[in-house]
Amino acid sequence: MIRFFAAPIAAIALLSATAGGALAEGVDSRDIMGGGPNFFQGGSSPIPRTTVNYNGNYAPGTIVVNTSERRLYLVLQNGQALRYGIGVGRDGFRWGGVHKITAKKEWPDWTPPSQMLARRPDLPRHMKGGIENPLGARAMYLGSTLYRIHGSNEPETIGQAVSSGCFRMTNDDVSDLYGRVGVGTTVVVLNN
């Protein structure tokens, strides 16, 4: 089920800012300005981002998606990786392979592919980027596939198998990853 959120908290906070630029009492500026637990309704991840020891044969800068673990690793120097919780494809929609990031977009528009529309004719044919968009704050497109690593306005799906093959992250986590990788980054998807 795709859920869309409105942005009343962010709008109220911005409209309630004082002339000196301070936000309304009780509103954390990180929540609306790029980070924090309520980043554009993205919520905090139930699986915290952390640096871990990593024993893979991948060059630093490689993204490794482990669908069975429901984790994404950004390989770092010195046998370490940054580990993120992700949502993965549900049964019948998991896949594996090696691709490159071919495009990156902030607040991407969403046009559901024809295959998805055949399964879900109730979906919009196109949706402009923004906080209500199910692709969230950032998207990284994987080769010529229909798949992306993208944000989500459903943080409770992180660690679950619910997508149509894309890899979901919280808006905070996908923004962090987006800032660390570029077009041309290798993405290895392990589907064990």
C-alpha atoms as a PDB file:
ATOM      1  CA  MET A   1       0.000   0.000   0.000  1.00  0.00           C
ATOM      2  CA  ILE A   2       1.374   3.403  -0.924  1.00  0.00           C
ATOM      3  CA  ARG A   3       0.625   6.130   1.534  1.00  0.00           C
ATOM      4  CA  PHE A   4       0.913   9.841   0.882  1.00  0.00           C
ATOM      5  CA  PHE A   5       1.523  12.400   3.615  1.00  0.00           C
ATOM      6  CA  ALA A   6       0.756  16.075   3.688  1.00  0.00           C
ATOM      7  CA  ALA A   7       3.270  18.523   5.110  1.00  0.00           C
ATOM      8  CA  PRO A   8       1.343  20.434   7.756  1.00  0.00           C
ATOM      9  CA  ILE A   9       4.134  20.356  10.329  1.00  0.00           C
ATOM     10  CA  ALA A  10       6.773  21.719   7.963  1.00  0.00           C
ATOM     11  CA  ALA A  11       4.410  24.347   6.566  1.00  0.00           C
ATOM     12  CA  ILE A  12       3.300  25.486  10.029  1.00  0.00           C
ATOM     13  CA  ALA A  13       6.899  25.617  11.242  1.00  0.00           C
ATOM     14  CA  LEU A  14       7.997  27.717   8.284  1.00  0.00           C
ATOM     15  CA  LEU A  15       5.007  30.040   8.572  1.00  0.00           C
ATOM     16  CA  SER A  16       5.473  30.324  12.326  1.00  0.00           C
ATOM     17  CA  ALA A  17       9.123  31.359  12.135  1.00  0.00           C
ATOM     18  CA  THR A  18       9.810  34.652  13.847  1.00  0.00           C
ATOM     19  CA  ALA A  19      11.331  37.655  12.089  1.00  0.00           C
ATOM     20  CA  GLY A  20      14.718  36.683  13.543  1.00  0.00           C
ATOM     21  CA  GLY A  21      14.589  33.352  11.751  1.00  0.00           C
ATOM     22  CA  ALA A  22      13.955  31.125  14.777  1.00  0.00           C
ATOM     23  CA  LEU A  23      11.447  28.346  14.363  1.00  0.00           C
ATOM     24  CA  ALA A  24       8.293  27.967  16.381  1.00  0.00           C
ATOM     25  CA  GLU A  25       8.817  26.558  19.847  1.00  0.00           C
ATOM     26  CA  GLY A  26       8.929  22.770  19.917  1.00  0.00           C
ATOM     27  CA  VAL A  27       9.947  22.405  16.248  1.00  0.00           C
ATOM     28  CA  ASP A  28      13.447  21.078  15.642  1.00  0.00           C
ATOM     29  CA  SER A  29      14.958  22.843  12.613  1.00  0.00           C
ATOM     30  CA  ARG A  30      16.577  19.540  11.538  1.00  0.00           C
ATOM     31  CA  ASP A  31      13.084  18.123  11.048  1.00  0.00           C
ATOM     32  CA  ILE A  32      12.346  20.470   8.168  1.00  0.00           C
ATOM     33  CA  MET A  33      15.732  21.610   6.927  1.00  0.00           C
ATOM     34  CA  GLY A  34      17.348  18.302   6.016  1.00  0.00           C
ATOM     35  CA  GLY A  35      17.876  15.683   8.665  1.00  0.00           C
ATOM     36  CA  GLY A  36      16.549  14.638  12.015  1.00  0.00           C
ATOM     37  CA  PRO A  37      13.896  12.128  12.973  1.00  0.00           C
ATOM     38  CA  ASN A  38      10.998  13.690  11.074  1.00  0.00           C
ATOM     39  CA  PHE A  39      12.810  14.768   7.915  1.00  0.00           C
ATOM     40  CA  PHE A  40       9.894  15.623   5.627  1.00  0.00           C
ATOM     41  CA  GLN A  41       7.704  12.977   7.220  1.00  0.00           C
ATOM     42  CA  GLY A  42      10.372  10.327   6.477  1.00  0.00           C
ATOM     43  CA  GLY A  43      10.669   9.359  10.121  1.00  0.00           C
ATOM     44  CA  SER A  44      13.690   7.764  11.712  1.00  0.00           C
ATOM     45  CA  SER A  45      14.894   4.391  10.558  1.00  0.00           C
ATOM     46  CA  PRO A  46      14.033   1.390  12.707  1.00  0.00           C
ATOM     47  CA  ILE A  47      17.528   0.172  11.681  1.00  0.00           C
ATOM     48  CA  PRO A  48      20.097   2.819  12.624  1.00  0.00           C
ATOM     49  CA  ARG A  49      22.870   3.694  10.176  1.00  0.00           C
ATOM     50  CA  THR A  50      26.219   2.530  11.549  1.00  0.00           C
ATOM     51  CA  THR A  51      29.841   1.878  10.583  1.00  0.00           C
ATOM     52  CA  VAL A  52      30.711  -1.837  10.669  1.00  0.00           C
ATOM     53  CA  ASN A  53      33.623  -4.120   9.858  1.00  0.00           C
ATOM     54  CA  TYR A  54      33.179  -5.440   6.328  1.00  0.00           C
ATOM     55  CA  ASN A  55      34.962  -8.410   4.777  1.00  0.00           C
ATOM     56  CA  GLY A  56      34.020  -8.152   1.120  1.00  0.00           C
ATOM     57  CA  ASN A  57      36.172  -8.033  -1.988  1.00  0.00           C
ATOM     58  CA  TYR A  58      34.712  -4.744  -3.187  1.00  0.00           C
ATOM     59  CA  ALA A  59      36.529  -1.490  -3.789  1.00  0.00           C
ATOM     60  CA  PRO A  60      35.843   1.440  -1.479  1.00  0.00           C
ATOM     61  CA  GLY A  61      32.922   3.446  -2.812  1.00  0.00           C
ATOM     62  CA  THR A  62      31.008   0.358  -3.990  1.00  0.00           C
ATOM     63  CA  ILE A  63      27.419  -0.072  -2.820  1.00  0.00           C
ATOM     64  CA  VAL A  64      26.508  -3.643  -1.876  1.00  0.00           C
ATOM     65  CA  VAL A  65      22.824  -4.434  -1.356  1.00  0.00           C
ATOM     66  CA  ASN A  66      22.168  -7.643   0.569  1.00  0.00           C
ATOM     67  CA  THR A  67      18.488  -8.399   0.007  1.00  0.00           C
ATOM     68  CA  SER A  68      18.341 -11.298   2.478  1.00  0.00           C
ATOM     69  CA  GLU A  69      19.783  -9.100   5.255  1.00  0.00           C
ATOM     70  CA  ARG A  70      17.715  -6.106   4.105  1.00  0.00           C
ATOM     71  CA  ARG A  71      20.826  -3.971   4.436  1.00  0.00           C
ATOM     72  CA  LEU A  72      22.784  -1.710   2.106  1.00  0.00           C
ATOM     73  CA  TYR A  73      26.545  -1.316   2.591  1.00  0.00           C
ATOM     74  CA  LEU A  74      28.687   1.527   1.310  1.00  0.00           C
ATOM     75  CA  VAL A  75      32.189   0.054   1.300  1.00  0.00           C
ATOM     76  CA  LEU A  76      34.746   2.308   3.025  1.00  0.00           C
ATOM     77  CA  GLN A  77      38.521   2.113   3.449  1.00  0.00           C
ATOM     78  CA  ASN A  78      40.281  -0.208   5.927  1.00  0.00           C
ATOM     79  CA  GLY A  79      37.805  -3.102   5.909  1.00  0.00           C
ATOM     80  CA  GLN A  80      34.807  -1.064   6.993  1.00  0.00           C
ATOM     81  CA  ALA A  81      31.433  -0.137   5.543  1.00  0.00           C
ATOM     82  CA  LEU A  82      28.589   2.175   6.347  1.00  0.00           C
ATOM     83  CA  ARG A  83      25.503  -0.025   6.872  1.00  0.00           C
ATOM     84  CA  TYR A  84      21.959   1.221   6.266  1.00  0.00           C
ATOM     85  CA  GLY A  85      18.612  -0.489   6.802  1.00  0.00           C
ATOM     86  CA  ILE A  86      16.539  -0.815   3.628  1.00  0.00           C
ATOM     87  CA  GLY A  87      13.200  -2.095   2.398  1.00  0.00           C
ATOM     88  CA  VAL A  88      13.488  -4.621  -0.439  1.00  0.00           C
ATOM     89  CA  GLY A  89      11.284  -6.268  -3.047  1.00  0.00           C
ATOM     90  CA  ARG A  90       8.530  -8.532  -1.833  1.00  0.00           C
ATOM     91  CA  ASP A  91       8.342 -12.184  -2.964  1.00  0.00           C
ATOM     92  CA  GLY A  92       8.597 -12.363  -6.737  1.00  0.00           C
ATOM     93  CA  PHE A  93      10.192  -8.902  -6.987  1.00  0.00           C
ATOM     94  CA  ARG A  94      13.670  -9.525  -5.588  1.00  0.00           C
ATOM     95  CA  TRP A  95      16.550  -9.557  -8.049  1.00  0.00           C
ATOM     96  CA  GLY A  96      20.348  -9.557  -8.198  1.00  0.00           C
ATOM     97  CA  GLY A  97      23.094  -8.252 -10.434  1.00  0.00           C
ATOM     98  CA  VAL A  98      25.655  -5.515 -10.916  1.00  0.00           C
ATOM     99  CA  HIS A  99      24.736  -2.069 -12.194  1.00  0.00           C
ATOM    100  CA  LYS A 100      25.991   1.495 -12.023  1.00  0.00           C
ATOM    101  CA  ILE A 101      24.198   4.553 -10.741  1.00  0.00           C
ATOM    102  CA  THR A 102      23.250   6.280 -13.993  1.00  0.00           C
ATOM    103  CA  ALA A 103      21.356   9.266 -12.572  1.00  0.00           C
ATOM    104  CA  LYS A 104      20.712  10.999  -9.258  1.00  0.00           C
ATOM    105  CA  LYS A 105      17.724  13.205  -8.523  1.00  0.00           C
ATOM    106  CA  GLU A 106      16.644  15.311  -5.576  1.00  0.00           C
ATOM    107  CA  TRP A 107      12.907  15.209  -4.858  1.00  0.00           C
ATOM    108  CA  PRO A 108      12.327  13.105  -7.994  1.00  0.00           C
ATOM    109  CA  ASP A 109       9.106  12.951  -9.965  1.00  0.00           C
ATOM    110  CA  TRP A 110       7.490   9.509 -10.089  1.00  0.00           C
ATOM    111  CA  THR A 111       5.931   7.900 -13.131  1.00  0.00           C
ATOM    112  CA  PRO A 112       4.900   4.342 -12.247  1.00  0.00           C
ATOM    113  CA  PRO A 113       6.017   1.877 -14.944  1.00  0.00           C
ATOM    114  CA  SER A 114       3.350   0.197 -17.053  1.00  0.00           C
ATOM    115  CA  GLN A 115       3.932  -3.125 -15.253  1.00  0.00           C
ATOM    116  CA  MET A 116       3.098  -1.497 -11.929  1.00  0.00           C
ATOM    117  CA  LEU A 117       0.061   0.286 -13.347  1.00  0.00           C
ATOM    118  CA  ALA A 118      -1.230  -3.047 -14.671  1.00  0.00           C
ATOM    119  CA  ARG A 119      -1.087  -4.413 -11.109  1.00  0.00           C
ATOM    120  CA  ARG A 120      -2.265  -1.199  -9.456  1.00  0.00           C
ATOM    121  CA  PRO A 121      -4.523   0.807 -11.792  1.00  0.00           C
ATOM    122  CA  ASP A 122      -5.439   3.066  -8.855  1.00  0.00           C
ATOM    123  CA  LEU A 123      -1.971   4.671  -8.865  1.00  0.00           C
ATOM    124  CA  PRO A 124      -1.426   8.143 -10.317  1.00  0.00           C
ATOM    125  CA  ARG A 125       0.049   8.229 -13.822  1.00  0.00           C
ATOM    126  CA  HIS A 126       2.583  10.848 -12.740  1.00  0.00           C
ATOM    127  CA  MET A 127       3.441  12.576  -9.498  1.00  0.00           C
ATOM    128  CA  LYS A 128       5.668  15.622  -9.072  1.00  0.00           C
ATOM    129  CA  GLY A 129       8.518  15.329  -6.601  1.00  0.00           C
ATOM    130  CA  GLY A 130       7.883  16.450  -3.047  1.00  0.00           C
ATOM    131  CA  ILE A 131       7.107  15.232   0.419  1.00  0.00           C
ATOM    132  CA  GLU A 132       4.015  13.293  -0.674  1.00  0.00           C
ATOM    133  CA  ASN A 133       5.888  11.439  -3.427  1.00  0.00           C
ATOM    134  CA  PRO A 134       6.676   7.795  -2.555  1.00  0.00           C
ATOM    135  CA  LEU A 135      10.238   8.156  -3.948  1.00  0.00           C
ATOM    136  CA  GLY A 136      11.053  10.468  -1.077  1.00  0.00           C
ATOM    137  CA  ALA A 137      13.836  13.030  -0.881  1.00  0.00           C
ATOM    138  CA  ARG A 138      16.402  11.434  -3.207  1.00  0.00           C
ATOM    139  CA  ALA A 139      16.664   8.722  -5.849  1.00  0.00           C
ATOM    140  CA  MET A 140      19.605   6.974  -7.472  1.00  0.00           C
ATOM    141  CA  TYR A 141      18.717   5.186 -10.713  1.00  0.00           C
ATOM    142  CA  LEU A 142      20.280   1.788 -11.423  1.00  0.00           C
ATOM    143  CA  GLY A 143      21.430   1.264 -14.995  1.00  0.00           C
ATOM    144  CA  SER A 144      18.723   0.603 -17.553  1.00  0.00           C
ATOM    145  CA  THR A 145      16.538  -1.145 -14.966  1.00  0.00           C
ATOM    146  CA  LEU A 146      13.242   0.146 -13.612  1.00  0.00           C
ATOM    147  CA  TYR A 147      14.795   0.074 -10.137  1.00  0.00           C
ATOM    148  CA  ARG A 148      16.124   2.772  -7.837  1.00  0.00           C
ATOM    149  CA  ILE A 149      17.579   3.299  -4.427  1.00  0.00           C
ATOM    150  CA  HIS A 150      15.207   5.925  -3.081  1.00  0.00           C
ATOM    151  CA  GLY A 151      13.744   7.587  -0.037  1.00  0.00           C
ATOM    152  CA  SER A 152      10.412   6.724   1.459  1.00  0.00           C
ATOM    153  CA  ASN A 153       7.578   8.403   3.313  1.00  0.00           C
ATOM    154  CA  GLU A 154       6.925   5.046   5.018  1.00  0.00           C
ATOM    155  CA  PRO A 155       9.818   4.515   7.464  1.00  0.00           C
ATOM    156  CA  GLU A 156       8.035   1.536   8.994  1.00  0.00           C
ATOM    157  CA  THR A 157       8.759  -0.429   5.784  1.00  0.00           C
ATOM    158  CA  ILE A 158      12.528  -0.294   6.369  1.00  0.00           C
ATOM    159  CA  GLY A 159      13.686  -3.838   7.082  1.00  0.00           C
ATOM    160  CA  GLN A 160      10.623  -5.262   5.286  1.00  0.00           C
ATOM    161  CA  ALA A 161      10.084  -6.913   1.901  1.00  0.00           C
ATOM    162  CA  VAL A 162       7.290  -4.780   0.448  1.00  0.00           C
ATOM    163  CA  SER A 163       8.475  -2.976  -2.696  1.00  0.00           C
ATOM    164  CA  SER A 164       8.195  -3.825  -6.383  1.00  0.00           C
ATOM    165  CA  GLY A 165      11.964  -4.262  -6.602  1.00  0.00           C
ATOM    166  CA  CYS A 166      13.328  -0.864  -5.577  1.00  0.00           C
ATOM    167  CA  PHE A 167      15.386  -0.352  -2.428  1.00  0.00           C
ATOM    168  CA  ARG A 168      13.756   1.998   0.082  1.00  0.00           C
ATOM    169  CA  MET A 169      15.576   4.029   2.703  1.00  0.00           C
ATOM    170  CA  THR A 170      14.431   6.706   5.099  1.00  0.00           C
ATOM    171  CA  ASN A 171      14.766  10.217   3.696  1.00  0.00           C
ATOM    172  CA  ASP A 172      17.570  10.926   6.173  1.00  0.00           C
ATOM    173  CA  ASP A 173      19.523   7.802   5.174  1.00  0.00           C
ATOM    174  CA  VAL A 174      19.005   8.196   1.424  1.00  0.00           C
ATOM    175  CA  SER A 175      20.125  11.833   1.645  1.00  0.00           C
ATOM    176  CA  ASP A 176      23.252  10.738   3.504  1.00  0.00           C
ATOM    177  CA  LEU A 177      24.062   8.060   0.905  1.00  0.00           C
ATOM    178  CA  TYR A 178      23.237  10.434  -1.973  1.00  0.00           C
ATOM    179  CA  GLY A 179      25.848  12.888  -0.714  1.00  0.00           C
ATOM    180  CA  ARG A 180      28.529  10.176  -0.536  1.00  0.00           C
ATOM    181  CA  VAL A 181      28.203   8.591  -4.003  1.00  0.00           C
ATOM    182  CA  GLY A 182      28.162   9.803  -7.576  1.00  0.00           C
ATOM    183  CA  VAL A 183      26.928   8.801 -10.980  1.00  0.00           C
ATOM    184  CA  GLY A 184      29.024   5.824 -12.083  1.00  0.00           C
ATOM    185  CA  THR A 185      29.117   4.205  -8.617  1.00  0.00           C
ATOM    186  CA  THR A 186      28.970   0.409  -8.845  1.00  0.00           C
ATOM    187  CA  VAL A 187      25.974  -1.197  -7.151  1.00  0.00           C
ATOM    188  CA  VAL A 188      26.145  -4.927  -6.426  1.00  0.00           C
ATOM    189  CA  VAL A 189      22.789  -6.509  -5.563  1.00  0.00           C
ATOM    190  CA  LEU A 190      23.106  -9.858  -3.787  1.00  0.00           C
ATOM    191  CA  ASN A 191      19.930 -11.927  -3.820  1.00  0.00           C
ATOM    192  CA  ASN A 192      20.742 -15.050  -1.802  1.00  0.00           C
END
